[in-house]
Each structure stands twice: as C-alpha cells, then as structure tokens.
Amino acid sequence: AKRYELEPIGAFVWSMIDGKRNLESLCTAMRNHFGLGKKEAEVSLVAFLQILSERGLIETRGPKS
C-alpha cells in the first residue's frame, strides 16, 4: 500500500472529501479555516484535486442535473 504525506491544506481538504461536498463548499471551508482569499483557495483546491484524480485517489463528477 502506498502512503502519502500531505501538507496542512492538503490534509484538511482530504479530510473534507466525503462525496457530498461540492467544489464551492470545499473552497469555502478552506477559506474559513486558513484565512485564504477566494482566488488563492480556488487555485490551490483545483490543483490539489487534479493531482488526487490523476493518481486515482478520487473521482470527480460534474454538477448534478
């Protein structure tokens, strides 16, 4: 089994991924927890989620219809 070490923001986001929260709610939680600006939080979150997806650790879905 592989092990990954995450920095604090990555660990926080990982702990919040539950299949129910959307990108916006994850971003808001990050902003509130770390005092980040909207753009900074969005860029960091999207980049981190892309890495997790590319490594097969999460699946991303589009908006529900």
PDB file of N, CA and C in Angstrom:
ATOM      1  N   ALA A   1       0.851  -1.189   0.000  1.00  0.00           N
ATOM      2  CA  ALA A   1       0.000   0.000   0.000  1.00  0.00           C
ATOM      3  C   ALA A   1       0.886   1.239   0.000  1.00  0.00           C
ATOM      4  N   LYS A   2       0.477   2.204  -0.794  1.00  0.00           N
ATOM      5  CA  LYS A   2       1.218   3.462  -0.848  1.00  0.00           C
ATOM      6  C   LYS A   2       0.807   4.345   0.311  1.00  0.00           C
ATOM      7  N   ARG A   3       1.752   5.162   0.750  1.00  0.00           N
ATOM      8  CA  ARG A   3       1.475   6.159   1.785  1.00  0.00           C
ATOM      9  C   ARG A   3       1.787   7.521   1.204  1.00  0.00           C
ATOM     10  N   TYR A   4       0.963   8.480   1.572  1.00  0.00           N
ATOM     11  CA  TYR A   4       1.157   9.846   1.119  1.00  0.00           C
ATOM     12  C   TYR A   4       1.246  10.753   2.336  1.00  0.00           C
ATOM     13  N   GLU A   5       2.152  11.702   2.280  1.00  0.00           N
ATOM     14  CA  GLU A   5       2.237  12.724   3.313  1.00  0.00           C
ATOM     15  C   GLU A   5       1.679  13.999   2.733  1.00  0.00           C
ATOM     16  N   LEU A   6       0.775  14.619   3.462  1.00  0.00           N
ATOM     17  CA  LEU A   6       0.130  15.832   2.972  1.00  0.00           C
ATOM     18  C   LEU A   6       0.516  17.023   3.824  1.00  0.00           C
ATOM     19  N   GLU A   7       0.650  18.165   3.177  1.00  0.00           N
ATOM     20  CA  GLU A   7       0.874  19.389   3.931  1.00  0.00           C
ATOM     21  C   GLU A   7      -0.473  19.775   4.559  1.00  0.00           C
ATOM     22  N   PRO A   8      -0.497  20.768   5.472  1.00  0.00           N
ATOM     23  CA  PRO A   8      -1.729  21.060   6.223  1.00  0.00           C
ATOM     24  C   PRO A   8      -2.972  21.337   5.370  1.00  0.00           C
ATOM     25  N   ILE A   9      -2.842  22.104   4.303  1.00  0.00           N
ATOM     26  CA  ILE A   9      -4.026  22.385   3.481  1.00  0.00           C
ATOM     27  C   ILE A   9      -4.502  21.111   2.783  1.00  0.00           C
ATOM     28  N   GLY A  10      -3.573  20.334   2.241  1.00  0.00           N
ATOM     29  CA  GLY A  10      -3.938  19.072   1.601  1.00  0.00           C
ATOM     30  C   GLY A  10      -4.603  18.114   2.575  1.00  0.00           C
ATOM     31  N   ALA A  11      -4.077  18.018   3.786  1.00  0.00           N
ATOM     32  CA  ALA A  11      -4.661  17.140   4.801  1.00  0.00           C
ATOM     33  C   ALA A  11      -6.072  17.601   5.156  1.00  0.00           C
ATOM     34  N   PHE A  12      -6.260  18.914   5.256  1.00  0.00           N
ATOM     35  CA  PHE A  12      -7.582  19.457   5.571  1.00  0.00           C
ATOM     36  C   PHE A  12      -8.572  19.110   4.463  1.00  0.00           C
ATOM     37  N   VAL A  13      -8.179  19.367   3.221  1.00  0.00           N
ATOM     38  CA  VAL A  13      -9.070  19.077   2.089  1.00  0.00           C
ATOM     39  C   VAL A  13      -9.382  17.585   2.042  1.00  0.00           C
ATOM     40  N   TRP A  14      -8.371  16.747   2.188  1.00  0.00           N
ATOM     41  CA  TRP A  14      -8.575  15.296   2.159  1.00  0.00           C
ATOM     42  C   TRP A  14      -9.605  14.883   3.209  1.00  0.00           C
ATOM     43  N   SER A  15      -9.522  15.485   4.396  1.00  0.00           N
ATOM     44  CA  SER A  15     -10.454  15.135   5.466  1.00  0.00           C
ATOM     45  C   SER A  15     -11.883  15.598   5.166  1.00  0.00           C
ATOM     46  N   MET A  16     -12.030  16.575   4.283  1.00  0.00           N
ATOM     47  CA  MET A  16     -13.347  17.126   3.958  1.00  0.00           C
ATOM     48  C   MET A  16     -14.014  16.417   2.773  1.00  0.00           C
ATOM     49  N   ILE A  17     -13.249  15.658   1.999  1.00  0.00           N
ATOM     50  CA  ILE A  17     -13.812  14.976   0.829  1.00  0.00           C
ATOM     51  C   ILE A  17     -14.671  13.808   1.317  1.00  0.00           C
ATOM     52  N   ASP A  18     -15.959  13.919   1.059  1.00  0.00           N
ATOM     53  CA  ASP A  18     -16.876  12.876   1.537  1.00  0.00           C
ATOM     54  C   ASP A  18     -17.890  12.442   0.477  1.00  0.00           C
ATOM     55  N   GLY A  19     -17.746  12.969  -0.737  1.00  0.00           N
ATOM     56  CA  GLY A  19     -18.685  12.614  -1.795  1.00  0.00           C
ATOM     57  C   GLY A  19     -19.963  13.434  -1.763  1.00  0.00           C
ATOM     58  N   LYS A  20     -20.151  14.245  -0.732  1.00  0.00           N
ATOM     59  CA  LYS A  20     -21.350  15.068  -0.608  1.00  0.00           C
ATOM     60  C   LYS A  20     -21.042  16.548  -0.827  1.00  0.00           C
ATOM     61  N   ARG A  21     -19.858  16.960  -0.433  1.00  0.00           N
ATOM     62  CA  ARG A  21     -19.481  18.369  -0.598  1.00  0.00           C
ATOM     63  C   ARG A  21     -19.084  18.640  -2.042  1.00  0.00           C
ATOM     64  N   ASN A  22     -19.455  19.817  -2.517  1.00  0.00           N
ATOM     65  CA  ASN A  22     -19.065  20.195  -3.866  1.00  0.00           C
ATOM     66  C   ASN A  22     -17.836  21.100  -3.795  1.00  0.00           C
ATOM     67  N   LEU A  23     -17.354  21.490  -4.957  1.00  0.00           N
ATOM     68  CA  LEU A  23     -16.157  22.322  -5.045  1.00  0.00           C
ATOM     69  C   LEU A  23     -16.329  23.619  -4.266  1.00  0.00           C
ATOM     70  N   GLU A  24     -17.486  24.234  -4.402  1.00  0.00           N
ATOM     71  CA  GLU A  24     -17.735  25.508  -3.724  1.00  0.00           C
ATOM     72  C   GLU A  24     -17.689  25.366  -2.207  1.00  0.00           C
ATOM     73  N   SER A  25     -18.295  24.306  -1.675  1.00  0.00           N
ATOM     74  CA  SER A  25     -18.295  24.143  -0.218  1.00  0.00           C
ATOM     75  C   SER A  25     -16.898  23.790   0.304  1.00  0.00           C
ATOM     76  N   LEU A  26     -16.130  23.020  -0.467  1.00  0.00           N
ATOM     77  CA  LEU A  26     -14.749  22.737  -0.071  1.00  0.00           C
ATOM     78  C   LEU A  26     -13.921  24.018  -0.060  1.00  0.00           C
ATOM     79  N   CYS A  27     -14.124  24.849  -1.069  1.00  0.00           N
ATOM     80  CA  CYS A  27     -13.392  26.104  -1.177  1.00  0.00           C
ATOM     81  C   CYS A  27     -13.738  27.027  -0.002  1.00  0.00           C
ATOM     82  N   THR A  28     -15.006  27.134   0.322  1.00  0.00           N
ATOM     83  CA  THR A  28     -15.440  27.971   1.444  1.00  0.00           C
ATOM     84  C   THR A  28     -14.838  27.472   2.752  1.00  0.00           C
ATOM     85  N   ALA A  29     -14.844  26.178   2.958  1.00  0.00           N
ATOM     86  CA  ALA A  29     -14.267  25.611   4.174  1.00  0.00           C
ATOM     87  C   ALA A  29     -12.774  25.926   4.266  1.00  0.00           C
ATOM     88  N   MET A  30     -12.074  25.805   3.142  1.00  0.00           N
ATOM     89  CA  MET A  30     -10.644  26.139   3.100  1.00  0.00           C
ATOM     90  C   MET A  30     -10.410  27.601   3.440  1.00  0.00           C
ATOM     91  N   ARG A  31     -11.207  28.474   2.836  1.00  0.00           N
ATOM     92  CA  ARG A  31     -11.056  29.915   3.071  1.00  0.00           C
ATOM     93  C   ARG A  31     -11.282  30.242   4.539  1.00  0.00           C
ATOM     94  N   ASN A  32     -12.322  29.674   5.112  1.00  0.00           N
ATOM     95  CA  ASN A  32     -12.630  29.950   6.518  1.00  0.00           C
ATOM     96  C   ASN A  32     -11.566  29.393   7.459  1.00  0.00           C
ATOM     97  N   HIS A  33     -11.089  28.209   7.179  1.00  0.00           N
ATOM     98  CA  HIS A  33     -10.126  27.551   8.065  1.00  0.00           C
ATOM     99  C   HIS A  33      -8.734  28.179   7.997  1.00  0.00           C
ATOM    100  N   PHE A  34      -8.310  28.556   6.796  1.00  0.00           N
ATOM    101  CA  PHE A  34      -6.941  29.039   6.606  1.00  0.00           C
ATOM    102  C   PHE A  34      -6.846  30.548   6.334  1.00  0.00           C
ATOM    103  N   GLY A  35      -7.975  31.234   6.259  1.00  0.00           N
ATOM    104  CA  GLY A  35      -7.957  32.671   6.003  1.00  0.00           C
ATOM    105  C   GLY A  35      -7.436  33.033   4.628  1.00  0.00           C
ATOM    106  N   LEU A  36      -7.759  32.213   3.643  1.00  0.00           N
ATOM    107  CA  LEU A  36      -7.291  32.446   2.279  1.00  0.00           C
ATOM    108  C   LEU A  36      -8.267  33.322   1.513  1.00  0.00           C
ATOM    109  N   GLY A  37      -7.756  34.006   0.505  1.00  0.00           N
ATOM    110  CA  GLY A  37      -8.611  34.730  -0.420  1.00  0.00           C
ATOM    111  C   GLY A  37      -9.302  33.759  -1.349  1.00  0.00           C
ATOM    112  N   LYS A  38     -10.383  34.231  -1.993  1.00  0.00           N
ATOM    113  CA  LYS A  38     -11.168  33.349  -2.853  1.00  0.00           C
ATOM    114  C   LYS A  38     -10.340  32.753  -3.982  1.00  0.00           C
ATOM    115  N   LYS A  39      -9.615  33.578  -4.721  1.00  0.00           N
ATOM    116  CA  LYS A  39      -8.837  33.094  -5.868  1.00  0.00           C
ATOM    117  C   LYS A  39      -7.742  32.129  -5.418  1.00  0.00           C
ATOM    118  N   GLU A  40      -7.034  32.473  -4.339  1.00  0.00           N
ATOM    119  CA  GLU A  40      -5.969  31.613  -3.813  1.00  0.00           C
ATOM    120  C   GLU A  40      -6.513  30.244  -3.419  1.00  0.00           C
ATOM    121  N   ALA A  41      -7.654  30.234  -2.746  1.00  0.00           N
ATOM    122  CA  ALA A  41      -8.261  28.976  -2.320  1.00  0.00           C
ATOM    123  C   ALA A  41      -8.702  28.154  -3.533  1.00  0.00           C
ATOM    124  N   GLU A  42      -9.337  28.800  -4.501  1.00  0.00           N
ATOM    125  CA  GLU A  42      -9.815  28.083  -5.689  1.00  0.00           C
ATOM    126  C   GLU A  42      -8.671  27.447  -6.464  1.00  0.00           C
ATOM    127  N   VAL A  43      -7.616  28.220  -6.694  1.00  0.00           N
ATOM    128  CA  VAL A  43      -6.475  27.706  -7.464  1.00  0.00           C
ATOM    129  C   VAL A  43      -5.826  26.536  -6.738  1.00  0.00           C
ATOM    130  N   SER A  44      -5.603  26.674  -5.438  1.00  0.00           N
ATOM    131  CA  SER A  44      -4.980  25.603  -4.652  1.00  0.00           C
ATOM    132  C   SER A  44      -5.848  24.361  -4.629  1.00  0.00           C
ATOM    133  N   LEU A  45      -7.139  24.555  -4.431  1.00  0.00           N
ATOM    134  CA  LEU A  45      -8.059  23.420  -4.340  1.00  0.00           C
ATOM    135  C   LEU A  45      -8.138  22.657  -5.655  1.00  0.00           C
ATOM    136  N   VAL A  46      -8.322  23.372  -6.748  1.00  0.00           N
ATOM    137  CA  VAL A  46      -8.435  22.711  -8.056  1.00  0.00           C
ATOM    138  C   VAL A  46      -7.146  21.955  -8.388  1.00  0.00           C
ATOM    139  N   ALA A  47      -5.999  22.559  -8.120  1.00  0.00           N
ATOM    140  CA  ALA A  47      -4.716  21.891  -8.401  1.00  0.00           C
ATOM    141  C   ALA A  47      -4.580  20.619  -7.566  1.00  0.00           C
ATOM    142  N   PHE A  48      -4.932  20.693  -6.291  1.00  0.00           N
ATOM    143  CA  PHE A  48      -4.819  19.528  -5.411  1.00  0.00           C
ATOM    144  C   PHE A  48      -5.779  18.421  -5.848  1.00  0.00           C
ATOM    145  N   LEU A  49      -7.016  18.779  -6.178  1.00  0.00           N
ATOM    146  CA  LEU A  49      -7.988  17.778  -6.610  1.00  0.00           C
ATOM    147  C   LEU A  49      -7.573  17.130  -7.930  1.00  0.00           C
ATOM    148  N   GLN A  50      -6.944  17.898  -8.816  1.00  0.00           N
ATOM    149  CA  GLN A  50      -6.451  17.329 -10.081  1.00  0.00           C
ATOM    150  C   GLN A  50      -5.382  16.274  -9.807  1.00  0.00           C
ATOM    151  N   ILE A  51      -4.484  16.568  -8.888  1.00  0.00           N
ATOM    152  CA  ILE A  51      -3.429  15.608  -8.538  1.00  0.00           C
ATOM    153  C   ILE A  51      -4.047  14.336  -7.968  1.00  0.00           C
ATOM    154  N   LEU A  52      -4.998  14.484  -7.044  1.00  0.00           N
ATOM    155  CA  LEU A  52      -5.649  13.310  -6.456  1.00  0.00           C
ATOM    156  C   LEU A  52      -6.361  12.492  -7.525  1.00  0.00           C
ATOM    157  N   SER A  53      -7.014  13.167  -8.450  1.00  0.00           N
ATOM    158  CA  SER A  53      -7.727  12.480  -9.523  1.00  0.00           C
ATOM    159  C   SER A  53      -6.757  11.745 -10.449  1.00  0.00           C
ATOM    160  N   GLU A  54      -5.669  12.415 -10.829  1.00  0.00           N
ATOM    161  CA  GLU A  54      -4.676  11.793 -11.713  1.00  0.00           C
ATOM    162  C   GLU A  54      -4.052  10.556 -11.075  1.00  0.00           C
ATOM    163  N   ARG A  55      -3.935  10.547  -9.765  1.00  0.00           N
ATOM    164  CA  ARG A  55      -3.358   9.394  -9.062  1.00  0.00           C
ATOM    165  C   ARG A  55      -4.399   8.332  -8.735  1.00  0.00           C
ATOM    166  N   GLY A  56      -5.630   8.549  -9.159  1.00  0.00           N
ATOM    167  CA  GLY A  56      -6.689   7.574  -8.947  1.00  0.00           C
ATOM    168  C   GLY A  56      -7.190   7.516  -7.517  1.00  0.00           C
ATOM    169  N   LEU A  57      -6.961   8.572  -6.746  1.00  0.00           N
ATOM    170  CA  LEU A  57      -7.366   8.572  -5.345  1.00  0.00           C
ATOM    171  C   LEU A  57      -8.777   9.107  -5.144  1.00  0.00           C
ATOM    172  N   ILE A  58      -9.269   9.878  -6.106  1.00  0.00           N
ATOM    173  CA  ILE A  58     -10.649  10.360  -6.073  1.00  0.00           C
ATOM    174  C   ILE A  58     -11.194  10.338  -7.484  1.00  0.00           C
ATOM    175  N   GLU A  59     -12.506  10.378  -7.585  1.00  0.00           N
ATOM    176  CA  GLU A  59     -13.195  10.571  -8.854  1.00  0.00           C
ATOM    177  C   GLU A  59     -13.928  11.886  -8.751  1.00  0.00           C
ATOM    178  N   THR A  60     -13.899  12.647  -9.817  1.00  0.00           N
ATOM    179  CA  THR A  60     -14.633  13.919  -9.824  1.00  0.00           C
ATOM    180  C   THR A  60     -15.871  13.769 -10.689  1.00  0.00           C
ATOM    181  N   ARG A  61     -16.909  14.509 -10.306  1.00  0.00           N
ATOM    182  CA  ARG A  61     -18.165  14.497 -11.047  1.00  0.00           C
ATOM    183  C   ARG A  61     -18.522  15.924 -11.405  1.00  0.00           C
ATOM    184  N   GLY A  62     -19.247  16.052 -12.476  1.00  0.00           N
ATOM    185  CA  GLY A  62     -19.786  17.353 -12.847  1.00  0.00           C
ATOM    186  C   GLY A  62     -20.999  17.659 -12.002  1.00  0.00           C
ATOM    187  N   PRO A  63     -21.613  18.807 -12.230  1.00  0.00           N
ATOM    188  CA  PRO A  63     -22.826  19.166 -11.477  1.00  0.00           C
ATOM    189  C   PRO A  63     -23.955  18.180 -11.733  1.00  0.00           C
ATOM    190  N   LYS A  64     -24.774  17.964 -10.710  1.00  0.00           N
ATOM    191  CA  LYS A  64     -25.926  17.073 -10.859  1.00  0.00           C
ATOM    192  C   LYS A  64     -26.979  17.769 -11.699  1.00  0.00           C
ATOM    193  N   SER A  65     -27.609  16.997 -12.572  1.00  0.00           N
ATOM    194  CA  SER A  65     -28.663  17.569 -13.428  1.00  0.00           C
ATOM    195  C   SER A  65     -30.003  17.433 -12.758  1.00  0.00           C
TER     196      SER A  65
END
